Amino acid sequence: MGTSSSKDVQGKPVVLIVGGGYAGVFVAKLLDKNGDFNVVIIDRKNYFLHNIGLLRGCAVEGWEARCTVPYTKVLKYGSIVQGEVESIAEDGKSITVHGYDKPIKCDYMVVCTGSSYAFPCKVAEADKKNVAAKYQALRKSVKEAKSVCVVGGGAVGIELSGEIAYHFPDTQVTLVHSGETLLSVGSKIEDAHMWQGPNGVSCFVCVVEHGSFR
């Protein structure tokens, strides 16, 4: 499954970009804008995922649609190959993609496979149309919950706690963190108490109030 490159770049040097995350899309757009290269993005998804803004989708209806951009809107001349890479040739001049009979050849290759992260920070659905259902189900669960516990006071935990506390003021949000300070820097957590668990495990627990992260 995929798209075809524009006739304007037929015969131009082929650049395969493995991975359509932030780095992959940045390089692809840079090389594609003047039509000097035949740029091909290879990714298992058919959309670019703006995962930095995705956590708000846990609380705001339809927000995930703003964070999933079809790859067809990314390139002016190049093309998209949707599939999982099985192998890369030792010389870096071809790649084997699951479901394709022949290797895809190139003149240059850029590997931008990025990172993985658990839902809801990232989503693994290959088709954009399946993403909304995941977040709709999550929002329903959060909205119906009387309390939510978020484990980890890093950047993700703080943002997720804040989004839920702000958009669902009737839901009690408890943030559990292993250190005395959020993000492991800054001021000591106010109104927190130490919880001593089994095997010497301990952490600080605080309740996130509505408006705390404005």
Foldseek 3Di string as FASTA:
>chain_A
DKDAFAPLQVVAFEEEEEADEPVSLVVQLVVQVVSNYAYEYEEQAQWYFQLVPQLLLLQDQPPRVVGTGGCVVRGDGYMYHHFAWDDADPVRFWTDGPPDPDTHGGPHYHYDHDDDDDPPSDDDDRYPVPPNVVSVVSNVVLLPAQEEEFEALAPVSVVNQQSSCARRVRHKYKYKHADQDRNNDDDGDPPWDWDADPPRRIIIMDIDHHPNVD
